[in-house]
Amino acid sequence: MLRLAYLAITNAFAALRLLPMSDRDKDAEILALRHQIVVLERQLGEDRVKFASEDRAFLAALLVPLPRQVLRQFRLLVQPDTVLRWHRDLIKQRHAGT
């Protein structure tokens, strides 16, 4: 849980860093990040990236509010259905714990 809080705080500061950036700079960063994902996927081949439970929770919380068709257009290391499954699993865990 502490790791998830850390991820949320560091990403909140990262979002604040984006405020003064121009759209052109943001677009360049997005393209660079997308290219890095392509390179990572190429290097991994058939292997998969392993996400910690905190990373899964953060990505699920960040991405699940988006419409599915928008989510499918994103360049992700996992399938959009995987993110949605992670979210369902988190909801199940939450309700099982109370």
PDB file of N, CA and C in Angstrom:
ATOM      1  N   MET A   1       0.818  -1.187   0.000  1.00  0.00           N
ATOM      2  CA  MET A   1       0.000   0.000   0.000  1.00  0.00           C
ATOM      3  C   MET A   1       0.870   1.263   0.000  1.00  0.00           C
ATOM      4  N   LEU A   2       1.986   1.194   0.700  1.00  0.00           N
ATOM      5  CA  LEU A   2       2.899   2.329   0.739  1.00  0.00           C
ATOM      6  C   LEU A   2       3.473   2.605  -0.649  1.00  0.00           C
ATOM      7  N   ARG A   3       3.769   1.549  -1.373  1.00  0.00           N
ATOM      8  CA  ARG A   3       4.305   1.702  -2.731  1.00  0.00           C
ATOM      9  C   ARG A   3       3.277   2.366  -3.649  1.00  0.00           C
ATOM     10  N   LEU A   4       2.013   2.015  -3.501  1.00  0.00           N
ATOM     11  CA  LEU A   4       0.957   2.625  -4.313  1.00  0.00           C
ATOM     12  C   LEU A   4       0.833   4.116  -3.997  1.00  0.00           C
ATOM     13  N   ALA A   5       0.912   4.475  -2.726  1.00  0.00           N
ATOM     14  CA  ALA A   5       0.868   5.891  -2.340  1.00  0.00           C
ATOM     15  C   ALA A   5       2.059   6.642  -2.933  1.00  0.00           C
ATOM     16  N   TYR A   6       3.233   6.013  -2.888  1.00  0.00           N
ATOM     17  CA  TYR A   6       4.424   6.616  -3.481  1.00  0.00           C
ATOM     18  C   TYR A   6       4.233   6.851  -4.972  1.00  0.00           C
ATOM     19  N   LEU A   7       3.703   5.858  -5.679  1.00  0.00           N
ATOM     20  CA  LEU A   7       3.457   6.006  -7.111  1.00  0.00           C
ATOM     21  C   LEU A   7       2.478   7.138  -7.389  1.00  0.00           C
ATOM     22  N   ALA A   8       1.433   7.232  -6.598  1.00  0.00           N
ATOM     23  CA  ALA A   8       0.436   8.283  -6.795  1.00  0.00           C
ATOM     24  C   ALA A   8       1.055   9.663  -6.589  1.00  0.00           C
ATOM     25  N   ILE A   9       1.858   9.814  -5.559  1.00  0.00           N
ATOM     26  CA  ILE A   9       2.470  11.115  -5.272  1.00  0.00           C
ATOM     27  C   ILE A   9       3.485  11.493  -6.338  1.00  0.00           C
ATOM     28  N   THR A  10       4.347  10.559  -6.725  1.00  0.00           N
ATOM     29  CA  THR A  10       5.359  10.891  -7.735  1.00  0.00           C
ATOM     30  C   THR A  10       4.718  11.197  -9.078  1.00  0.00           C
ATOM     31  N   ASN A  11       3.639  10.506  -9.414  1.00  0.00           N
ATOM     32  CA  ASN A  11       2.968  10.796 -10.678  1.00  0.00           C
ATOM     33  C   ASN A  11       2.177  12.090 -10.620  1.00  0.00           C
ATOM     34  N   ALA A  12       1.697  12.475  -9.451  1.00  0.00           N
ATOM     35  CA  ALA A  12       1.042  13.778  -9.309  1.00  0.00           C
ATOM     36  C   ALA A  12       2.054  14.894  -9.574  1.00  0.00           C
ATOM     37  N   PHE A  13       3.266  14.744  -9.046  1.00  0.00           N
ATOM     38  CA  PHE A  13       4.301  15.731  -9.321  1.00  0.00           C
ATOM     39  C   PHE A  13       4.705  15.713 -10.794  1.00  0.00           C
ATOM     40  N   ALA A  14       4.712  14.547 -11.398  1.00  0.00           N
ATOM     41  CA  ALA A  14       5.021  14.460 -12.827  1.00  0.00           C
ATOM     42  C   ALA A  14       3.957  15.182 -13.645  1.00  0.00           C
ATOM     43  N   ALA A  15       2.705  15.066 -13.228  1.00  0.00           N
ATOM     44  CA  ALA A  15       1.619  15.768 -13.927  1.00  0.00           C
ATOM     45  C   ALA A  15       1.782  17.279 -13.786  1.00  0.00           C
ATOM     46  N   LEU A  16       2.201  17.739 -12.621  1.00  0.00           N
ATOM     47  CA  LEU A  16       2.444  19.174 -12.427  1.00  0.00           C
ATOM     48  C   LEU A  16       3.564  19.679 -13.331  1.00  0.00           C
ATOM     49  N   ARG A  17       4.533  18.809 -13.580  1.00  0.00           N
ATOM     50  CA  ARG A  17       5.633  19.179 -14.474  1.00  0.00           C
ATOM     51  C   ARG A  17       5.143  19.442 -15.891  1.00  0.00           C
ATOM     52  N   LEU A  18       4.019  18.823 -16.262  1.00  0.00           N
ATOM     53  CA  LEU A  18       3.492  18.980 -17.611  1.00  0.00           C
ATOM     54  C   LEU A  18       2.784  20.318 -17.831  1.00  0.00           C
ATOM     55  N   LEU A  19       2.331  20.943 -16.763  1.00  0.00           N
ATOM     56  CA  LEU A  19       1.555  22.177 -16.901  1.00  0.00           C
ATOM     57  C   LEU A  19       2.249  23.272 -17.713  1.00  0.00           C
ATOM     58  N   PRO A  20       3.516  23.591 -17.421  1.00  0.00           N
ATOM     59  CA  PRO A  20       4.136  24.675 -18.192  1.00  0.00           C
ATOM     60  C   PRO A  20       4.636  24.248 -19.581  1.00  0.00           C
ATOM     61  N   MET A  21       4.553  22.967 -19.904  1.00  0.00           N
ATOM     62  CA  MET A  21       5.076  22.491 -21.197  1.00  0.00           C
ATOM     63  C   MET A  21       4.121  22.849 -22.331  1.00  0.00           C
ATOM     64  N   SER A  22       4.676  23.159 -23.470  1.00  0.00           N
ATOM     65  CA  SER A  22       3.849  23.426 -24.650  1.00  0.00           C
ATOM     66  C   SER A  22       3.317  22.107 -25.205  1.00  0.00           C
ATOM     67  N   ASP A  23       2.281  22.199 -26.007  1.00  0.00           N
ATOM     68  CA  ASP A  23       1.730  20.992 -26.634  1.00  0.00           C
ATOM     69  C   ASP A  23       2.770  20.312 -27.518  1.00  0.00           C
ATOM     70  N   ARG A  24       3.597  21.108 -28.169  1.00  0.00           N
ATOM     71  CA  ARG A  24       4.644  20.554 -29.037  1.00  0.00           C
ATOM     72  C   ARG A  24       5.632  19.719 -28.219  1.00  0.00           C
ATOM     73  N   ASP A  25       6.024  20.236 -27.059  1.00  0.00           N
ATOM     74  CA  ASP A  25       6.951  19.505 -26.183  1.00  0.00           C
ATOM     75  C   ASP A  25       6.305  18.223 -25.665  1.00  0.00           C
ATOM     76  N   LYS A  26       5.035  18.312 -25.286  1.00  0.00           N
ATOM     77  CA  LYS A  26       4.327  17.123 -24.808  1.00  0.00           C
ATOM     78  C   LYS A  26       4.214  16.078 -25.914  1.00  0.00           C
ATOM     79  N   ASP A  27       3.924  16.531 -27.135  1.00  0.00           N
ATOM     80  CA  ASP A  27       3.827  15.600 -28.261  1.00  0.00           C
ATOM     81  C   ASP A  27       5.162  14.913 -28.518  1.00  0.00           C
ATOM     82  N   ALA A  28       6.249  15.666 -28.416  1.00  0.00           N
ATOM     83  CA  ALA A  28       7.582  15.085 -28.621  1.00  0.00           C
ATOM     84  C   ALA A  28       7.870  14.044 -27.542  1.00  0.00           C
ATOM     85  N   GLU A  29       7.502  14.352 -26.301  1.00  0.00           N
ATOM     86  CA  GLU A  29       7.727  13.389 -25.219  1.00  0.00           C
ATOM     87  C   GLU A  29       6.883  12.136 -25.430  1.00  0.00           C
ATOM     88  N   ILE A  30       5.641  12.295 -25.834  1.00  0.00           N
ATOM     89  CA  ILE A  30       4.771  11.143 -26.086  1.00  0.00           C
ATOM     90  C   ILE A  30       5.354  10.269 -27.186  1.00  0.00           C
ATOM     91  N   LEU A  31       5.821  10.882 -28.263  1.00  0.00           N
ATOM     92  CA  LEU A  31       6.421  10.106 -29.351  1.00  0.00           C
ATOM     93  C   LEU A  31       7.682   9.372 -28.887  1.00  0.00           C
ATOM     94  N   ALA A  32       8.496  10.032 -28.080  1.00  0.00           N
ATOM     95  CA  ALA A  32       9.706   9.392 -27.560  1.00  0.00           C
ATOM     96  C   ALA A  32       9.337   8.206 -26.662  1.00  0.00           C
ATOM     97  N   LEU A  33       8.335   8.381 -25.808  1.00  0.00           N
ATOM     98  CA  LEU A  33       7.914   7.288 -24.928  1.00  0.00           C
ATOM     99  C   LEU A  33       7.329   6.132 -25.725  1.00  0.00           C
ATOM    100  N   ARG A  34       6.535   6.451 -26.742  1.00  0.00           N
ATOM    101  CA  ARG A  34       5.972   5.388 -27.589  1.00  0.00           C
ATOM    102  C   ARG A  34       7.082   4.615 -28.288  1.00  0.00           C
ATOM    103  N   HIS A  35       8.088   5.335 -28.772  1.00  0.00           N
ATOM    104  CA  HIS A  35       9.185   4.654 -29.455  1.00  0.00           C
ATOM    105  C   HIS A  35       9.939   3.750 -28.483  1.00  0.00           C
ATOM    106  N   GLN A  36      10.134   4.205 -27.258  1.00  0.00           N
ATOM    107  CA  GLN A  36      10.806   3.382 -26.269  1.00  0.00           C
ATOM    108  C   GLN A  36      10.014   2.107 -25.970  1.00  0.00           C
ATOM    109  N   ILE A  37       8.695   2.197 -25.988  1.00  0.00           N
ATOM    110  CA  ILE A  37       7.858   1.012 -25.792  1.00  0.00           C
ATOM    111  C   ILE A  37       8.067   0.036 -26.940  1.00  0.00           C
ATOM    112  N   VAL A  38       8.125   0.549 -28.167  1.00  0.00           N
ATOM    113  CA  VAL A  38       8.362  -0.314 -29.332  1.00  0.00           C
ATOM    114  C   VAL A  38       9.701  -1.028 -29.197  1.00  0.00           C
ATOM    115  N   VAL A  39      10.726  -0.289 -28.789  1.00  0.00           N
ATOM    116  CA  VAL A  39      12.057  -0.879 -28.619  1.00  0.00           C
ATOM    117  C   VAL A  39      12.017  -1.951 -27.530  1.00  0.00           C
ATOM    118  N   LEU A  40      11.374  -1.658 -26.415  1.00  0.00           N
ATOM    119  CA  LEU A  40      11.265  -2.625 -25.327  1.00  0.00           C
ATOM    120  C   LEU A  40      10.532  -3.885 -25.778  1.00  0.00           C
ATOM    121  N   GLU A  41       9.428  -3.718 -26.495  1.00  0.00           N
ATOM    122  CA  GLU A  41       8.681  -4.879 -26.994  1.00  0.00           C
ATOM    123  C   GLU A  41       9.537  -5.713 -27.946  1.00  0.00           C
ATOM    124  N   ARG A  42      10.298  -5.036 -28.785  1.00  0.00           N
ATOM    125  CA  ARG A  42      11.165  -5.743 -29.738  1.00  0.00           C
ATOM    126  C   ARG A  42      12.234  -6.539 -28.996  1.00  0.00           C
ATOM    127  N   GLN A  43      12.804  -5.971 -27.938  1.00  0.00           N
ATOM    128  CA  GLN A  43      13.841  -6.655 -27.174  1.00  0.00           C
ATOM    129  C   GLN A  43      13.284  -7.814 -26.366  1.00  0.00           C
ATOM    130  N   LEU A  44      12.064  -7.656 -25.887  1.00  0.00           N
ATOM    131  CA  LEU A  44      11.465  -8.718 -25.080  1.00  0.00           C
ATOM    132  C   LEU A  44      11.052  -9.922 -25.918  1.00  0.00           C
ATOM    133  N   GLY A  45      10.691  -9.681 -27.154  1.00  0.00           N
ATOM    134  CA  GLY A  45      10.229 -10.768 -28.012  1.00  0.00           C
ATOM    135  C   GLY A  45       8.968 -11.394 -27.449  1.00  0.00           C
ATOM    136  N   GLU A  46       9.023 -12.675 -27.159  1.00  0.00           N
ATOM    137  CA  GLU A  46       7.867 -13.399 -26.629  1.00  0.00           C
ATOM    138  C   GLU A  46       7.697 -13.216 -25.121  1.00  0.00           C
ATOM    139  N   ASP A  47       8.746 -12.732 -24.448  1.00  0.00           N
ATOM    140  CA  ASP A  47       8.659 -12.513 -22.999  1.00  0.00           C
ATOM    141  C   ASP A  47       7.683 -11.380 -22.703  1.00  0.00           C
ATOM    142  N   ARG A  48       7.225 -11.329 -21.473  1.00  0.00           N
ATOM    143  CA  ARG A  48       6.300 -10.286 -21.054  1.00  0.00           C
ATOM    144  C   ARG A  48       6.911  -9.460 -19.938  1.00  0.00           C
ATOM    145  N   VAL A  49       6.492  -8.214 -19.876  1.00  0.00           N
ATOM    146  CA  VAL A  49       6.882  -7.356 -18.762  1.00  0.00           C
ATOM    147  C   VAL A  49       6.072  -7.792 -17.547  1.00  0.00           C
ATOM    148  N   LYS A  50       6.713  -7.847 -16.400  1.00  0.00           N
ATOM    149  CA  LYS A  50       6.022  -8.227 -15.168  1.00  0.00           C
ATOM    150  C   LYS A  50       5.746  -6.967 -14.356  1.00  0.00           C
ATOM    151  N   PHE A  51       4.475  -6.718 -14.078  1.00  0.00           N
ATOM    152  CA  PHE A  51       4.066  -5.548 -13.315  1.00  0.00           C
ATOM    153  C   PHE A  51       3.834  -5.944 -11.865  1.00  0.00           C
ATOM    154  N   ALA A  52       4.323  -5.127 -10.942  1.00  0.00           N
ATOM    155  CA  ALA A  52       4.036  -5.323  -9.518  1.00  0.00           C
ATOM    156  C   ALA A  52       2.571  -4.980  -9.278  1.00  0.00           C
ATOM    157  N   SER A  53       2.018  -5.480  -8.198  1.00  0.00           N
ATOM    158  CA  SER A  53       0.603  -5.230  -7.912  1.00  0.00           C
ATOM    159  C   SER A  53       0.316  -3.737  -7.775  1.00  0.00           C
ATOM    160  N   GLU A  54       1.257  -2.972  -7.248  1.00  0.00           N
ATOM    161  CA  GLU A  54       1.074  -1.533  -7.114  1.00  0.00           C
ATOM    162  C   GLU A  54       1.012  -0.864  -8.484  1.00  0.00           C
ATOM    163  N   ASP A  55       1.855  -1.329  -9.407  1.00  0.00           N
ATOM    164  CA  ASP A  55       1.845  -0.784 -10.764  1.00  0.00           C
ATOM    165  C   ASP A  55       0.536  -1.112 -11.462  1.00  0.00           C
ATOM    166  N   ARG A  56       0.041  -2.327 -11.256  1.00  0.00           N
ATOM    167  CA  ARG A  56      -1.243  -2.725 -11.832  1.00  0.00           C
ATOM    168  C   ARG A  56      -2.360  -1.842 -11.308  1.00  0.00           C
ATOM    169  N   ALA A  57      -2.358  -1.616  -9.997  1.00  0.00           N
ATOM    170  CA  ALA A  57      -3.403  -0.785  -9.384  1.00  0.00           C
ATOM    171  C   ALA A  57      -3.351   0.639  -9.919  1.00  0.00           C
ATOM    172  N   PHE A  58      -2.149   1.189 -10.036  1.00  0.00           N
ATOM    173  CA  PHE A  58      -2.018   2.559 -10.534  1.00  0.00           C
ATOM    174  C   PHE A  58      -2.496   2.664 -11.974  1.00  0.00           C
ATOM    175  N   LEU A  59      -2.042   1.751 -12.826  1.00  0.00           N
ATOM    176  CA  LEU A  59      -2.460   1.791 -14.232  1.00  0.00           C
ATOM    177  C   LEU A  59      -3.965   1.567 -14.380  1.00  0.00           C
ATOM    178  N   ALA A  60      -4.502   0.660 -13.604  1.00  0.00           N
ATOM    179  CA  ALA A  60      -5.944   0.404 -13.664  1.00  0.00           C
ATOM    180  C   ALA A  60      -6.726   1.647 -13.258  1.00  0.00           C
ATOM    181  N   ALA A  61      -6.320   2.300 -12.180  1.00  0.00           N
ATOM    182  CA  ALA A  61      -7.019   3.506 -11.723  1.00  0.00           C
ATOM    183  C   ALA A  61      -6.888   4.636 -12.733  1.00  0.00           C
ATOM    184  N   LEU A  62      -5.755   4.731 -13.376  1.00  0.00           N
ATOM    185  CA  LEU A  62      -5.513   5.795 -14.342  1.00  0.00           C
ATOM    186  C   LEU A  62      -6.273   5.573 -15.653  1.00  0.00           C
ATOM    187  N   LEU A  63      -6.319   4.331 -16.116  1.00  0.00           N
ATOM    188  CA  LEU A  63      -6.826   4.062 -17.459  1.00  0.00           C
ATOM    189  C   LEU A  63      -8.273   3.600 -17.535  1.00  0.00           C
ATOM    190  N   VAL A  64      -8.813   3.011 -16.473  1.00  0.00           N
ATOM    191  CA  VAL A  64     -10.146   2.414 -16.565  1.00  0.00           C
ATOM    192  C   VAL A  64     -11.261   3.436 -16.831  1.00  0.00           C
ATOM    193  N   PRO A  65     -11.129   4.700 -16.420  1.00  0.00           N
ATOM    194  CA  PRO A  65     -12.211   5.644 -16.738  1.00  0.00           C
ATOM    195  C   PRO A  65     -12.331   5.993 -18.226  1.00  0.00           C
ATOM    196  N   LEU A  66     -11.291   5.691 -18.992  1.00  0.00           N
ATOM    197  CA  LEU A  66     -11.307   6.023 -20.415  1.00  0.00           C
ATOM    198  C   LEU A  66     -12.208   5.069 -21.186  1.00  0.00           C
ATOM    199  N   PRO A  67     -12.857   5.569 -22.228  1.00  0.00           N
ATOM    200  CA  PRO A  67     -13.659   4.668 -23.069  1.00  0.00           C
ATOM    201  C   PRO A  67     -12.777   3.573 -23.670  1.00  0.00           C
ATOM    202  N   ARG A  68     -13.347   2.416 -23.839  1.00  0.00           N
ATOM    203  CA  ARG A  68     -12.585   1.262 -24.324  1.00  0.00           C
ATOM    204  C   ARG A  68     -11.955   1.533 -25.688  1.00  0.00           C
ATOM    205  N   GLN A  69     -12.648   2.216 -26.578  1.00  0.00           N
ATOM    206  CA  GLN A  69     -12.093   2.480 -27.907  1.00  0.00           C
ATOM    207  C   GLN A  69     -10.888   3.424 -27.823  1.00  0.00           C
ATOM    208  N   VAL A  70     -10.884   4.350 -26.882  1.00  0.00           N
ATOM    209  CA  VAL A  70      -9.716   5.219 -26.673  1.00  0.00           C
ATOM    210  C   VAL A  70      -8.568   4.399 -26.104  1.00  0.00           C
ATOM    211  N   LEU A  71      -8.885   3.551 -25.151  1.00  0.00           N
ATOM    212  CA  LEU A  71      -7.875   2.709 -24.519  1.00  0.00           C
ATOM    213  C   LEU A  71      -7.196   1.796 -25.546  1.00  0.00           C
ATOM    214  N   ARG A  72      -7.948   1.315 -26.504  1.00  0.00           N
ATOM    215  CA  ARG A  72      -7.387   0.433 -27.533  1.00  0.00           C
ATOM    216  C   ARG A  72      -6.419   1.163 -28.469  1.00  0.00           C
ATOM    217  N   GLN A  73      -6.503   2.485 -28.532  1.00  0.00           N
ATOM    218  CA  GLN A  73      -5.607   3.263 -29.392  1.00  0.00           C
ATOM    219  C   GLN A  73      -4.279   3.575 -28.711  1.00  0.00           C
ATOM    220  N   PHE A  74      -4.217   3.378 -27.390  1.00  0.00           N
ATOM    221  CA  PHE A  74      -2.999   3.668 -26.649  1.00  0.00           C
ATOM    222  C   PHE A  74      -1.933   2.621 -26.946  1.00  0.00           C
ATOM    223  N   ARG A  75      -0.705   3.035 -26.852  1.00  0.00           N
ATOM    224  CA  ARG A  75       0.435   2.127 -26.996  1.00  0.00           C
ATOM    225  C   ARG A  75       0.807   1.672 -25.586  1.00  0.00           C
ATOM    226  N   LEU A  76       0.403   0.467 -25.226  1.00  0.00           N
ATOM    227  CA  LEU A  76       0.626  -0.061 -23.882  1.00  0.00           C
ATOM    228  C   LEU A  76       1.440  -1.340 -23.948  1.00  0.00           C
ATOM    229  N   LEU A  77       2.085  -1.682 -22.869  1.00  0.00           N
ATOM    230  CA  LEU A  77       2.824  -2.938 -22.791  1.00  0.00           C
ATOM    231  C   LEU A  77       1.899  -4.119 -22.518  1.00  0.00           C
ATOM    232  N   VAL A  78       0.654  -3.831 -22.172  1.00  0.00           N
ATOM    233  CA  VAL A  78      -0.346  -4.866 -21.928  1.00  0.00           C
ATOM    234  C   VAL A  78      -1.573  -4.560 -22.771  1.00  0.00           C
ATOM    235  N   GLN A  79      -2.389  -5.571 -22.969  1.00  0.00           N
ATOM    236  CA  GLN A  79      -3.628  -5.378 -23.714  1.00  0.00           C
ATOM    237  C   GLN A  79      -4.612  -4.561 -22.880  1.00  0.00           C
ATOM    238  N   PRO A  80      -5.443  -3.735 -23.508  1.00  0.00           N
ATOM    239  CA  PRO A  80      -6.446  -2.977 -22.750  1.00  0.00           C
ATOM    240  C   PRO A  80      -7.348  -3.874 -21.906  1.00  0.00           C
ATOM    241  N   ASP A  81      -7.676  -5.052 -22.414  1.00  0.00           N
ATOM    242  CA  ASP A  81      -8.507  -5.978 -21.632  1.00  0.00           C
ATOM    243  C   ASP A  81      -7.798  -6.421 -20.350  1.00  0.00           C
ATOM    244  N   THR A  82      -6.478  -6.477 -20.388  1.00  0.00           N
ATOM    245  CA  THR A  82      -5.713  -6.832 -19.197  1.00  0.00           C
ATOM    246  C   THR A  82      -5.858  -5.745 -18.133  1.00  0.00           C
ATOM    247  N   VAL A  83      -5.783  -4.487 -18.553  1.00  0.00           N
ATOM    248  CA  VAL A  83      -5.956  -3.374 -17.615  1.00  0.00           C
ATOM    249  C   VAL A  83      -7.348  -3.428 -16.989  1.00  0.00           C
ATOM    250  N   LEU A  84      -8.354  -3.708 -17.806  1.00  0.00           N
ATOM    251  CA  LEU A  84      -9.720  -3.801 -17.293  1.00  0.00           C
ATOM    252  C   LEU A  84      -9.868  -4.982 -16.332  1.00  0.00           C
ATOM    253  N   ARG A  85      -9.184  -6.091 -16.606  1.00  0.00           N
ATOM    254  CA  ARG A  85      -9.207  -7.240 -15.699  1.00  0.00           C
ATOM    255  C   ARG A  85      -8.538  -6.884 -14.377  1.00  0.00           C
ATOM    256  N   TRP A  86      -7.421  -6.162 -14.446  1.00  0.00           N
ATOM    257  CA  TRP A  86      -6.751  -5.727 -13.223  1.00  0.00           C
ATOM    258  C   TRP A  86      -7.712  -4.903 -12.369  1.00  0.00           C
ATOM    259  N   HIS A  87      -8.466  -4.031 -13.013  1.00  0.00           N
ATOM    260  CA  HIS A  87      -9.409  -3.189 -12.280  1.00  0.00           C
ATOM    261  C   HIS A  87     -10.501  -4.050 -11.631  1.00  0.00           C
ATOM    262  N   ARG A  88     -11.036  -4.998 -12.376  1.00  0.00           N
ATOM    263  CA  ARG A  88     -12.057  -5.895 -11.806  1.00  0.00           C
ATOM    264  C   ARG A  88     -11.494  -6.655 -10.608  1.00  0.00           C
ATOM    265  N   ASP A  89     -10.256  -7.125 -10.731  1.00  0.00           N
ATOM    266  CA  ASP A  89      -9.627  -7.852  -9.626  1.00  0.00           C
ATOM    267  C   ASP A  89      -9.469  -6.961  -8.388  1.00  0.00           C
ATOM    268  N   LEU A  90      -9.105  -5.698  -8.609  1.00  0.00           N
ATOM    269  CA  LEU A  90      -8.974  -4.772  -7.489  1.00  0.00           C
ATOM    270  C   LEU A  90     -10.311  -4.549  -6.793  1.00  0.00           C
ATOM    271  N   ILE A  91     -11.365  -4.418  -7.572  1.00  0.00           N
ATOM    272  CA  ILE A  91     -12.708  -4.225  -7.007  1.00  0.00           C
ATOM    273  C   ILE A  91     -13.114  -5.455  -6.196  1.00  0.00           C
ATOM    274  N   LYS A  92     -12.845  -6.643  -6.730  1.00  0.00           N
ATOM    275  CA  LYS A  92     -13.159  -7.885  -6.010  1.00  0.00           C
ATOM    276  C   LYS A  92     -12.407  -7.950  -4.679  1.00  0.00           C
ATOM    277  N   GLN A  93     -11.122  -7.617  -4.718  1.00  0.00           N
ATOM    278  CA  GLN A  93     -10.310  -7.635  -3.499  1.00  0.00           C
ATOM    279  C   GLN A  93     -10.837  -6.643  -2.475  1.00  0.00           C
ATOM    280  N   ARG A  94     -11.226  -5.491  -2.949  1.00  0.00           N
ATOM    281  CA  ARG A  94     -11.731  -4.448  -2.049  1.00  0.00           C
ATOM    282  C   ARG A  94     -13.006  -4.902  -1.349  1.00  0.00           C
ATOM    283  N   HIS A  95     -13.909  -5.494  -2.116  1.00  0.00           N
ATOM    284  CA  HIS A  95     -15.171  -5.943  -1.534  1.00  0.00           C
ATOM    285  C   HIS A  95     -14.993  -7.207  -0.679  1.00  0.00           C
ATOM    286  N   ALA A  96     -14.017  -8.018  -1.009  1.00  0.00           N
ATOM    287  CA  ALA A  96     -13.765  -9.222  -0.209  1.00  0.00           C
ATOM    288  C   ALA A  96     -13.142  -8.855   1.140  1.00  0.00           C
ATOM    289  N   GLY A  97     -12.410  -7.734   1.163  1.00  0.00           N
ATOM    290  CA  GLY A  97     -11.756  -7.324   2.399  1.00  0.00           C
ATOM    291  C   GLY A  97     -12.657  -6.623   3.384  1.00  0.00           C
ATOM    292  N   THR A  98     -13.851  -6.180   2.933  1.00  0.00           N
ATOM    293  CA  THR A  98     -14.760  -5.469   3.852  1.00  0.00           C
ATOM    294  C   THR A  98     -15.941  -6.303   4.220  1.00  0.00           C
TER     295      THR A  98
END
